[in-house]
Amino acid sequence: MGCGKSTVGRKTANILSMPFLDTDQWIEEKEGITISELFATKGEAYFRELETECLKELLKNVNLPTIISVGGGLPVREENQRLLKQLGQVIYLKAAPDTIYERLKGDSTRPLLQTENPLQKIRDMLIDREEKYLAAAEKVISVDGKSVKEIVGEIVEGKS
């Protein structure tokens, strides 16, 4: 969440002349409503089921290799970690809580951050998710203080 997955994914796909897919966008198109509306009307548990369904569909129907950007909560489920690894190399774009907060403050499209203290919510989520992110990832790239170009360069050149 807020680490640049979609932006970096699109740019990397462009440079490598590969297709790009964003799981949140896939879910919004499938359901015909935004992620915020999904959370409000059907809840987080339903959304998480859709994320798993998306990964299963990708394994069946997507011509790989494809650059795939996933929502920040998707790797939390062990089943999703396994499915991600089946899809290919998983890269964790790691950002500090302050970096994420600065990028997302004022963004009303993030349902989990609509709290009195979004920075604390980000900190709590990262603490809860870090171990799962690391379990899913083959490679970790710190994004703090880096431009999109620098991050994409690390991915394309295989540096970490």
N, C-alpha and C. Protein backbone atom coordinates (compact mmCIF):
# COMPACT_ATOMS: atom_id res chain seq x y z
N MET A 1 0.83 -1.16 0.00
CA MET A 1 0.00 0.00 0.00
C MET A 1 0.88 1.23 0.00
N GLY A 2 0.80 2.00 -1.08
CA GLY A 2 1.54 3.25 -1.13
C GLY A 2 3.03 3.14 -1.38
N CYS A 3 3.49 1.95 -1.75
CA CYS A 3 4.93 1.80 -1.98
C CYS A 3 5.29 1.96 -3.45
N GLY A 4 4.29 2.13 -4.31
CA GLY A 4 4.54 2.36 -5.72
C GLY A 4 4.39 1.15 -6.62
N LYS A 5 3.72 0.11 -6.13
CA LYS A 5 3.62 -1.13 -6.90
C LYS A 5 3.04 -0.92 -8.30
N SER A 6 1.93 -0.20 -8.38
CA SER A 6 1.29 -0.01 -9.69
C SER A 6 2.13 0.86 -10.61
N THR A 7 2.64 1.96 -10.09
CA THR A 7 3.46 2.86 -10.90
C THR A 7 4.73 2.16 -11.38
N VAL A 8 5.42 1.53 -10.45
CA VAL A 8 6.66 0.82 -10.79
C VAL A 8 6.37 -0.36 -11.71
N GLY A 9 5.28 -1.06 -11.45
CA GLY A 9 4.90 -2.20 -12.29
C GLY A 9 4.64 -1.79 -13.73
N ARG A 10 3.87 -0.71 -13.90
CA ARG A 10 3.57 -0.23 -15.27
C ARG A 10 4.85 0.17 -16.00
N LYS A 11 5.70 0.91 -15.30
CA LYS A 11 6.95 1.39 -15.92
C LYS A 11 7.86 0.21 -16.27
N THR A 12 7.97 -0.76 -15.37
CA THR A 12 8.80 -1.94 -15.62
C THR A 12 8.26 -2.72 -16.81
N ALA A 13 6.95 -2.90 -16.85
CA ALA A 13 6.33 -3.62 -17.97
C ALA A 13 6.60 -2.90 -19.28
N ASN A 14 6.52 -1.59 -19.27
CA ASN A 14 6.77 -0.79 -20.47
C ASN A 14 8.21 -0.99 -20.95
N ILE A 15 9.16 -0.87 -20.03
CA ILE A 15 10.57 -1.01 -20.38
C ILE A 15 10.88 -2.41 -20.91
N LEU A 16 10.28 -3.42 -20.30
CA LEU A 16 10.55 -4.81 -20.70
C LEU A 16 9.62 -5.30 -21.81
N SER A 17 8.74 -4.42 -22.29
CA SER A 17 7.76 -4.77 -23.33
C SER A 17 6.95 -6.01 -22.92
N MET A 18 6.45 -5.96 -21.70
CA MET A 18 5.64 -7.06 -21.16
C MET A 18 4.26 -6.53 -20.80
N PRO A 19 3.27 -7.42 -20.77
CA PRO A 19 1.95 -6.98 -20.32
C PRO A 19 1.98 -6.64 -18.82
N PHE A 20 1.04 -5.78 -18.40
CA PHE A 20 0.91 -5.39 -17.00
C PHE A 20 -0.51 -5.65 -16.54
N LEU A 21 -0.63 -6.14 -15.31
CA LEU A 21 -1.95 -6.37 -14.73
C LEU A 21 -1.93 -5.94 -13.26
N ASP A 22 -2.94 -5.19 -12.86
CA ASP A 22 -3.09 -4.76 -11.47
C ASP A 22 -4.27 -5.53 -10.89
N THR A 23 -4.05 -6.29 -9.81
CA THR A 23 -5.12 -7.13 -9.27
C THR A 23 -6.30 -6.29 -8.75
N ASP A 24 -6.02 -5.12 -8.18
CA ASP A 24 -7.12 -4.28 -7.71
C ASP A 24 -7.98 -3.82 -8.89
N GLN A 25 -7.35 -3.46 -9.99
CA GLN A 25 -8.09 -3.05 -11.18
C GLN A 25 -8.89 -4.22 -11.73
N TRP A 26 -8.29 -5.42 -11.74
CA TRP A 26 -8.98 -6.63 -12.20
C TRP A 26 -10.26 -6.85 -11.38
N ILE A 27 -10.14 -6.70 -10.06
CA ILE A 27 -11.29 -6.89 -9.17
C ILE A 27 -12.35 -5.83 -9.42
N GLU A 28 -11.93 -4.57 -9.57
CA GLU A 28 -12.90 -3.51 -9.83
C GLU A 28 -13.64 -3.75 -11.14
N GLU A 29 -12.94 -4.18 -12.17
CA GLU A 29 -13.59 -4.46 -13.44
C GLU A 29 -14.54 -5.65 -13.33
N LYS A 30 -14.12 -6.69 -12.63
CA LYS A 30 -14.96 -7.89 -12.47
C LYS A 30 -16.23 -7.57 -11.69
N GLU A 31 -16.09 -6.78 -10.63
CA GLU A 31 -17.22 -6.48 -9.76
C GLU A 31 -18.04 -5.27 -10.22
N GLY A 32 -17.45 -4.43 -11.06
CA GLY A 32 -18.15 -3.25 -11.55
C GLY A 32 -18.27 -2.12 -10.54
N ILE A 33 -17.45 -2.17 -9.47
CA ILE A 33 -17.44 -1.10 -8.48
C ILE A 33 -16.01 -0.92 -7.97
N THR A 34 -15.78 0.18 -7.27
CA THR A 34 -14.43 0.46 -6.76
C THR A 34 -14.13 -0.40 -5.53
N ILE A 35 -12.85 -0.47 -5.19
CA ILE A 35 -12.43 -1.19 -3.99
C ILE A 35 -13.11 -0.59 -2.76
N SER A 36 -13.16 0.72 -2.67
CA SER A 36 -13.82 1.38 -1.53
C SER A 36 -15.29 0.95 -1.42
N GLU A 37 -15.97 0.90 -2.56
CA GLU A 37 -17.38 0.48 -2.55
C GLU A 37 -17.51 -0.99 -2.16
N LEU A 38 -16.57 -1.81 -2.63
CA LEU A 38 -16.58 -3.23 -2.25
C LEU A 38 -16.44 -3.40 -0.75
N PHE A 39 -15.48 -2.69 -0.15
CA PHE A 39 -15.28 -2.75 1.29
C PHE A 39 -16.55 -2.31 2.02
N ALA A 40 -17.17 -1.23 1.53
CA ALA A 40 -18.35 -0.67 2.20
C ALA A 40 -19.57 -1.58 2.08
N THR A 41 -19.73 -2.23 0.93
CA THR A 41 -20.95 -3.00 0.71
C THR A 41 -20.81 -4.49 1.02
N LYS A 42 -19.63 -5.05 0.77
CA LYS A 42 -19.47 -6.50 0.94
C LYS A 42 -18.42 -6.89 1.97
N GLY A 43 -17.61 -5.92 2.39
CA GLY A 43 -16.65 -6.16 3.45
C GLY A 43 -15.28 -6.63 2.98
N GLU A 44 -14.34 -6.55 3.91
CA GLU A 44 -12.96 -6.91 3.60
C GLU A 44 -12.80 -8.40 3.30
N ALA A 45 -13.51 -9.26 4.03
CA ALA A 45 -13.37 -10.71 3.82
C ALA A 45 -13.75 -11.08 2.39
N TYR A 46 -14.82 -10.49 1.87
CA TYR A 46 -15.24 -10.76 0.49
C TYR A 46 -14.16 -10.30 -0.49
N PHE A 47 -13.60 -9.11 -0.23
CA PHE A 47 -12.55 -8.59 -1.09
C PHE A 47 -11.33 -9.52 -1.09
N ARG A 48 -10.95 -10.02 0.08
CA ARG A 48 -9.80 -10.93 0.16
C ARG A 48 -10.05 -12.22 -0.60
N GLU A 49 -11.28 -12.69 -0.61
CA GLU A 49 -11.62 -13.88 -1.42
C GLU A 49 -11.45 -13.57 -2.90
N LEU A 50 -11.84 -12.38 -3.30
CA LEU A 50 -11.68 -11.98 -4.71
C LEU A 50 -10.21 -11.92 -5.11
N GLU A 51 -9.35 -11.49 -4.18
CA GLU A 51 -7.92 -11.46 -4.48
C GLU A 51 -7.39 -12.86 -4.77
N THR A 52 -7.79 -13.81 -3.95
CA THR A 52 -7.36 -15.20 -4.16
C THR A 52 -7.91 -15.73 -5.48
N GLU A 53 -9.17 -15.43 -5.76
CA GLU A 53 -9.79 -15.85 -7.02
C GLU A 53 -9.02 -15.26 -8.21
N CYS A 54 -8.62 -14.02 -8.09
CA CYS A 54 -7.86 -13.35 -9.15
C CYS A 54 -6.56 -14.11 -9.43
N LEU A 55 -5.82 -14.45 -8.38
CA LEU A 55 -4.56 -15.17 -8.57
C LEU A 55 -4.79 -16.52 -9.25
N LYS A 56 -5.83 -17.22 -8.85
CA LYS A 56 -6.15 -18.52 -9.47
C LYS A 56 -6.48 -18.35 -10.94
N GLU A 57 -7.24 -17.31 -11.27
CA GLU A 57 -7.56 -17.02 -12.67
C GLU A 57 -6.30 -16.69 -13.47
N LEU A 58 -5.41 -15.92 -12.87
CA LEU A 58 -4.17 -15.57 -13.55
C LEU A 58 -3.34 -16.81 -13.85
N LEU A 59 -3.29 -17.73 -12.92
CA LEU A 59 -2.53 -18.96 -13.16
C LEU A 59 -3.11 -19.76 -14.32
N LYS A 60 -4.40 -19.70 -14.50
CA LYS A 60 -5.07 -20.45 -15.57
C LYS A 60 -5.02 -19.74 -16.91
N ASN A 61 -5.16 -18.43 -16.90
CA ASN A 61 -5.48 -17.72 -18.13
C ASN A 61 -4.53 -16.65 -18.61
N VAL A 62 -3.53 -16.29 -17.83
CA VAL A 62 -2.66 -15.19 -18.25
C VAL A 62 -1.43 -15.74 -18.93
N ASN A 63 -1.09 -15.12 -20.05
CA ASN A 63 0.14 -15.49 -20.73
C ASN A 63 1.30 -14.89 -19.96
N LEU A 64 2.04 -15.75 -19.33
CA LEU A 64 3.20 -15.29 -18.57
C LEU A 64 4.39 -15.24 -19.51
N PRO A 65 5.36 -14.40 -19.35
CA PRO A 65 5.51 -13.51 -18.22
C PRO A 65 4.65 -12.25 -18.34
N THR A 66 4.14 -11.83 -17.22
CA THR A 66 3.36 -10.60 -17.07
C THR A 66 3.80 -9.94 -15.78
N ILE A 67 3.91 -8.62 -15.80
CA ILE A 67 4.19 -7.88 -14.58
C ILE A 67 2.85 -7.70 -13.87
N ILE A 68 2.78 -8.15 -12.62
CA ILE A 68 1.53 -8.11 -11.86
C ILE A 68 1.75 -7.29 -10.60
N SER A 69 0.89 -6.30 -10.40
CA SER A 69 0.89 -5.52 -9.17
C SER A 69 -0.26 -6.01 -8.31
N VAL A 70 0.03 -6.31 -7.06
CA VAL A 70 -1.02 -6.83 -6.16
C VAL A 70 -1.29 -5.84 -5.04
N GLY A 71 -2.48 -5.91 -4.50
CA GLY A 71 -2.84 -5.07 -3.36
C GLY A 71 -1.99 -5.41 -2.15
N GLY A 72 -1.83 -4.44 -1.26
CA GLY A 72 -0.96 -4.61 -0.10
C GLY A 72 -1.36 -5.72 0.85
N GLY A 73 -2.64 -6.07 0.89
CA GLY A 73 -3.08 -7.12 1.79
C GLY A 73 -3.06 -8.51 1.17
N LEU A 74 -2.90 -8.58 -0.14
CA LEU A 74 -2.97 -9.87 -0.83
C LEU A 74 -1.96 -10.90 -0.33
N PRO A 75 -0.71 -10.55 -0.10
CA PRO A 75 0.26 -11.57 0.34
C PRO A 75 0.07 -12.07 1.78
N VAL A 76 -0.87 -11.49 2.51
CA VAL A 76 -1.06 -11.87 3.90
C VAL A 76 -1.55 -13.32 4.02
N ARG A 77 -2.40 -13.73 3.09
CA ARG A 77 -2.91 -15.11 3.11
C ARG A 77 -1.83 -16.08 2.63
N GLU A 78 -1.64 -17.15 3.37
CA GLU A 78 -0.64 -18.15 2.97
C GLU A 78 -0.94 -18.73 1.59
N GLU A 79 -2.21 -18.96 1.30
CA GLU A 79 -2.58 -19.49 -0.01
C GLU A 79 -2.13 -18.53 -1.11
N ASN A 80 -2.29 -17.25 -0.87
CA ASN A 80 -1.88 -16.26 -1.87
C ASN A 80 -0.37 -16.21 -2.03
N GLN A 81 0.36 -16.42 -0.95
CA GLN A 81 1.83 -16.47 -1.04
C GLN A 81 2.24 -17.60 -1.98
N ARG A 82 1.61 -18.74 -1.81
CA ARG A 82 1.92 -19.91 -2.66
C ARG A 82 1.56 -19.63 -4.11
N LEU A 83 0.38 -19.04 -4.33
CA LEU A 83 -0.06 -18.74 -5.69
C LEU A 83 0.86 -17.71 -6.35
N LEU A 84 1.28 -16.70 -5.60
CA LEU A 84 2.19 -15.69 -6.14
C LEU A 84 3.48 -16.33 -6.62
N LYS A 85 4.02 -17.22 -5.81
CA LYS A 85 5.28 -17.88 -6.17
C LYS A 85 5.11 -18.73 -7.43
N GLN A 86 3.93 -19.30 -7.62
CA GLN A 86 3.67 -20.07 -8.83
C GLN A 86 3.62 -19.18 -10.06
N LEU A 87 3.21 -17.93 -9.86
CA LEU A 87 3.13 -16.99 -10.97
C LEU A 87 4.50 -16.50 -11.42
N GLY A 88 5.49 -16.54 -10.55
CA GLY A 88 6.83 -16.10 -10.95
C GLY A 88 7.55 -15.41 -9.81
N GLN A 89 8.56 -14.62 -10.16
CA GLN A 89 9.36 -13.92 -9.16
C GLN A 89 8.50 -12.87 -8.45
N VAL A 90 8.56 -12.88 -7.13
CA VAL A 90 7.82 -11.92 -6.32
C VAL A 90 8.81 -10.92 -5.73
N ILE A 91 8.55 -9.65 -6.00
CA ILE A 91 9.41 -8.58 -5.48
C ILE A 91 8.60 -7.75 -4.49
N TYR A 92 9.13 -7.59 -3.31
CA TYR A 92 8.51 -6.78 -2.26
C TYR A 92 9.12 -5.40 -2.32
N LEU A 93 8.31 -4.40 -2.64
CA LEU A 93 8.75 -3.01 -2.63
C LEU A 93 8.49 -2.49 -1.21
N LYS A 94 9.56 -2.37 -0.45
CA LYS A 94 9.46 -2.06 0.97
C LYS A 94 9.59 -0.56 1.20
N ALA A 95 8.61 -0.01 1.92
CA ALA A 95 8.61 1.42 2.24
C ALA A 95 8.39 1.60 3.74
N ALA A 96 9.02 2.62 4.28
CA ALA A 96 8.83 2.96 5.69
C ALA A 96 7.43 3.54 5.89
N PRO A 97 6.89 3.42 7.10
CA PRO A 97 5.56 3.98 7.37
C PRO A 97 5.44 5.45 7.01
N ASP A 98 6.46 6.25 7.31
CA ASP A 98 6.40 7.68 7.00
C ASP A 98 6.33 7.93 5.49
N THR A 99 7.05 7.13 4.73
CA THR A 99 7.01 7.25 3.27
C THR A 99 5.60 6.96 2.76
N ILE A 100 5.02 5.88 3.24
CA ILE A 100 3.67 5.50 2.82
C ILE A 100 2.67 6.59 3.21
N TYR A 101 2.78 7.06 4.44
CA TYR A 101 1.86 8.10 4.91
C TYR A 101 1.95 9.34 4.03
N GLU A 102 3.15 9.80 3.73
CA GLU A 102 3.32 10.99 2.91
C GLU A 102 2.70 10.80 1.52
N ARG A 103 2.82 9.60 0.99
CA ARG A 103 2.27 9.33 -0.35
C ARG A 103 0.74 9.24 -0.33
N LEU A 104 0.18 8.78 0.78
CA LEU A 104 -1.25 8.48 0.81
C LEU A 104 -2.11 9.45 1.62
N LYS A 105 -1.48 10.38 2.34
CA LYS A 105 -2.30 11.28 3.16
C LYS A 105 -3.26 12.04 2.24
N GLY A 106 -4.49 12.07 2.66
CA GLY A 106 -5.51 12.74 1.86
C GLY A 106 -6.14 11.85 0.80
N ASP A 107 -5.65 10.61 0.65
CA ASP A 107 -6.22 9.69 -0.34
C ASP A 107 -7.42 8.98 0.30
N SER A 108 -8.60 9.33 -0.14
CA SER A 108 -9.82 8.77 0.45
C SER A 108 -10.22 7.44 -0.18
N THR A 109 -9.42 6.94 -1.13
CA THR A 109 -9.77 5.68 -1.80
C THR A 109 -9.19 4.47 -1.09
N ARG A 110 -8.53 4.66 0.03
CA ARG A 110 -7.90 3.57 0.78
C ARG A 110 -8.76 3.27 2.02
N PRO A 111 -9.67 2.30 1.93
CA PRO A 111 -10.62 2.07 3.01
C PRO A 111 -9.98 1.78 4.36
N LEU A 112 -8.86 1.08 4.38
CA LEU A 112 -8.25 0.72 5.65
C LEU A 112 -7.57 1.91 6.34
N LEU A 113 -7.38 3.00 5.59
CA LEU A 113 -6.71 4.17 6.17
C LEU A 113 -7.69 5.27 6.57
N GLN A 114 -8.97 4.99 6.48
CA GLN A 114 -9.96 5.99 6.87
C GLN A 114 -10.19 5.91 8.37
N THR A 115 -9.16 6.30 9.12
CA THR A 115 -9.17 6.27 10.58
C THR A 115 -8.70 7.62 11.10
N GLU A 116 -8.80 7.80 12.42
CA GLU A 116 -8.34 9.04 13.03
C GLU A 116 -6.83 9.22 12.90
N ASN A 117 -6.10 8.09 12.94
CA ASN A 117 -4.64 8.16 12.90
C ASN A 117 -4.11 7.21 11.82
N PRO A 118 -4.15 7.64 10.56
CA PRO A 118 -3.72 6.76 9.48
C PRO A 118 -2.25 6.35 9.57
N LEU A 119 -1.39 7.21 10.08
CA LEU A 119 0.03 6.85 10.21
C LEU A 119 0.18 5.66 11.16
N GLN A 120 -0.52 5.69 12.28
CA GLN A 120 -0.45 4.56 13.21
C GLN A 120 -1.03 3.30 12.59
N LYS A 121 -2.09 3.44 11.82
CA LYS A 121 -2.69 2.29 11.12
C LYS A 121 -1.67 1.69 10.15
N ILE A 122 -0.96 2.53 9.43
CA ILE A 122 0.08 2.06 8.50
C ILE A 122 1.16 1.31 9.27
N ARG A 123 1.62 1.90 10.38
CA ARG A 123 2.64 1.23 11.21
C ARG A 123 2.15 -0.15 11.66
N ASP A 124 0.93 -0.20 12.16
CA ASP A 124 0.36 -1.46 12.66
C ASP A 124 0.25 -2.49 11.54
N MET A 125 -0.22 -2.05 10.38
CA MET A 125 -0.37 -2.98 9.25
C MET A 125 0.99 -3.52 8.81
N LEU A 126 1.99 -2.67 8.76
CA LEU A 126 3.32 -3.14 8.35
C LEU A 126 3.90 -4.13 9.35
N ILE A 127 3.69 -3.88 10.63
CA ILE A 127 4.14 -4.83 11.64
C ILE A 127 3.44 -6.17 11.44
N ASP A 128 2.13 -6.14 11.21
CA ASP A 128 1.36 -7.36 11.01
C ASP A 128 1.73 -8.09 9.72
N ARG A 129 2.09 -7.34 8.69
CA ARG A 129 2.29 -7.92 7.36
C ARG A 129 3.74 -8.26 7.01
N GLU A 130 4.70 -7.66 7.67
CA GLU A 130 6.11 -7.78 7.28
C GLU A 130 6.55 -9.23 7.10
N GLU A 131 6.27 -10.07 8.07
CA GLU A 131 6.70 -11.47 8.00
C GLU A 131 6.08 -12.17 6.79
N LYS A 132 4.85 -11.84 6.51
CA LYS A 132 4.15 -12.46 5.37
C LYS A 132 4.69 -11.95 4.04
N TYR A 133 4.99 -10.66 4.00
CA TYR A 133 5.60 -10.10 2.79
C TYR A 133 6.94 -10.79 2.50
N LEU A 134 7.73 -10.94 3.54
CA LEU A 134 9.04 -11.57 3.38
C LEU A 134 8.91 -13.04 2.98
N ALA A 135 7.88 -13.71 3.50
CA ALA A 135 7.66 -15.11 3.14
C ALA A 135 7.27 -15.25 1.67
N ALA A 136 6.57 -14.26 1.14
CA ALA A 136 6.14 -14.32 -0.26
C ALA A 136 7.22 -13.90 -1.24
N ALA A 137 8.12 -13.03 -0.79
CA ALA A 137 9.06 -12.38 -1.71
C ALA A 137 10.33 -13.18 -1.94
N GLU A 138 10.77 -13.13 -3.17
CA GLU A 138 12.07 -13.67 -3.55
C GLU A 138 13.13 -12.58 -3.44
N LYS A 139 12.67 -11.33 -3.56
CA LYS A 139 13.58 -10.19 -3.58
C LYS A 139 12.90 -9.02 -2.88
N VAL A 140 13.68 -8.23 -2.13
CA VAL A 140 13.16 -7.05 -1.44
C VAL A 140 13.92 -5.82 -1.96
N ILE A 141 13.17 -4.80 -2.33
CA ILE A 141 13.77 -3.55 -2.78
C ILE A 141 13.21 -2.43 -1.91
N SER A 142 14.09 -1.71 -1.23
CA SER A 142 13.69 -0.56 -0.45
C SER A 142 13.40 0.60 -1.40
N VAL A 143 12.26 1.25 -1.21
CA VAL A 143 11.88 2.33 -2.12
C VAL A 143 12.03 3.72 -1.49
N ASP A 144 12.35 3.76 -0.21
CA ASP A 144 12.46 5.05 0.47
C ASP A 144 13.53 5.93 -0.18
N GLY A 145 13.14 7.15 -0.51
CA GLY A 145 14.07 8.12 -1.06
C GLY A 145 14.50 7.85 -2.49
N LYS A 146 13.85 6.90 -3.16
CA LYS A 146 14.24 6.56 -4.54
C LYS A 146 13.16 7.01 -5.51
N SER A 147 13.61 7.35 -6.70
CA SER A 147 12.67 7.69 -7.77
C SER A 147 12.13 6.40 -8.39
N VAL A 148 11.04 6.54 -9.13
CA VAL A 148 10.49 5.39 -9.86
C VAL A 148 11.55 4.83 -10.79
N LYS A 149 12.28 5.71 -11.46
CA LYS A 149 13.33 5.27 -12.39
C LYS A 149 14.38 4.42 -11.68
N GLU A 150 14.79 4.84 -10.49
CA GLU A 150 15.79 4.08 -9.73
C GLU A 150 15.27 2.71 -9.33
N ILE A 151 14.02 2.65 -8.88
CA ILE A 151 13.43 1.38 -8.46
C ILE A 151 13.30 0.44 -9.65
N VAL A 152 12.79 0.97 -10.75
CA VAL A 152 12.65 0.15 -11.96
C VAL A 152 14.02 -0.35 -12.41
N GLY A 153 15.02 0.51 -12.31
CA GLY A 153 16.38 0.09 -12.67
C GLY A 153 16.85 -1.09 -11.85
N GLU A 154 16.56 -1.09 -10.56
CA GLU A 154 16.95 -2.21 -9.70
C GLU A 154 16.22 -3.49 -10.13
N ILE A 155 14.98 -3.36 -10.52
CA ILE A 155 14.23 -4.54 -10.95
C ILE A 155 14.77 -5.05 -12.28
N VAL A 156 14.93 -4.17 -13.24
CA VAL A 156 15.35 -4.56 -14.59
C VAL A 156 16.79 -5.09 -14.59
N GLU A 157 17.64 -4.44 -13.81
CA GLU A 157 19.05 -4.84 -13.80
C GLU A 157 19.31 -5.99 -12.81
N GLY A 158 18.29 -6.36 -12.04
CA GLY A 158 18.44 -7.48 -11.12
C GLY A 158 19.21 -7.17 -9.86
N LYS A 159 19.38 -5.88 -9.57
CA LYS A 159 20.08 -5.50 -8.34
C LYS A 159 19.09 -5.56 -7.18
N SER A 160 19.61 -5.72 -5.97
CA SER A 160 18.75 -5.63 -4.80
C SER A 160 19.52 -5.10 -3.61
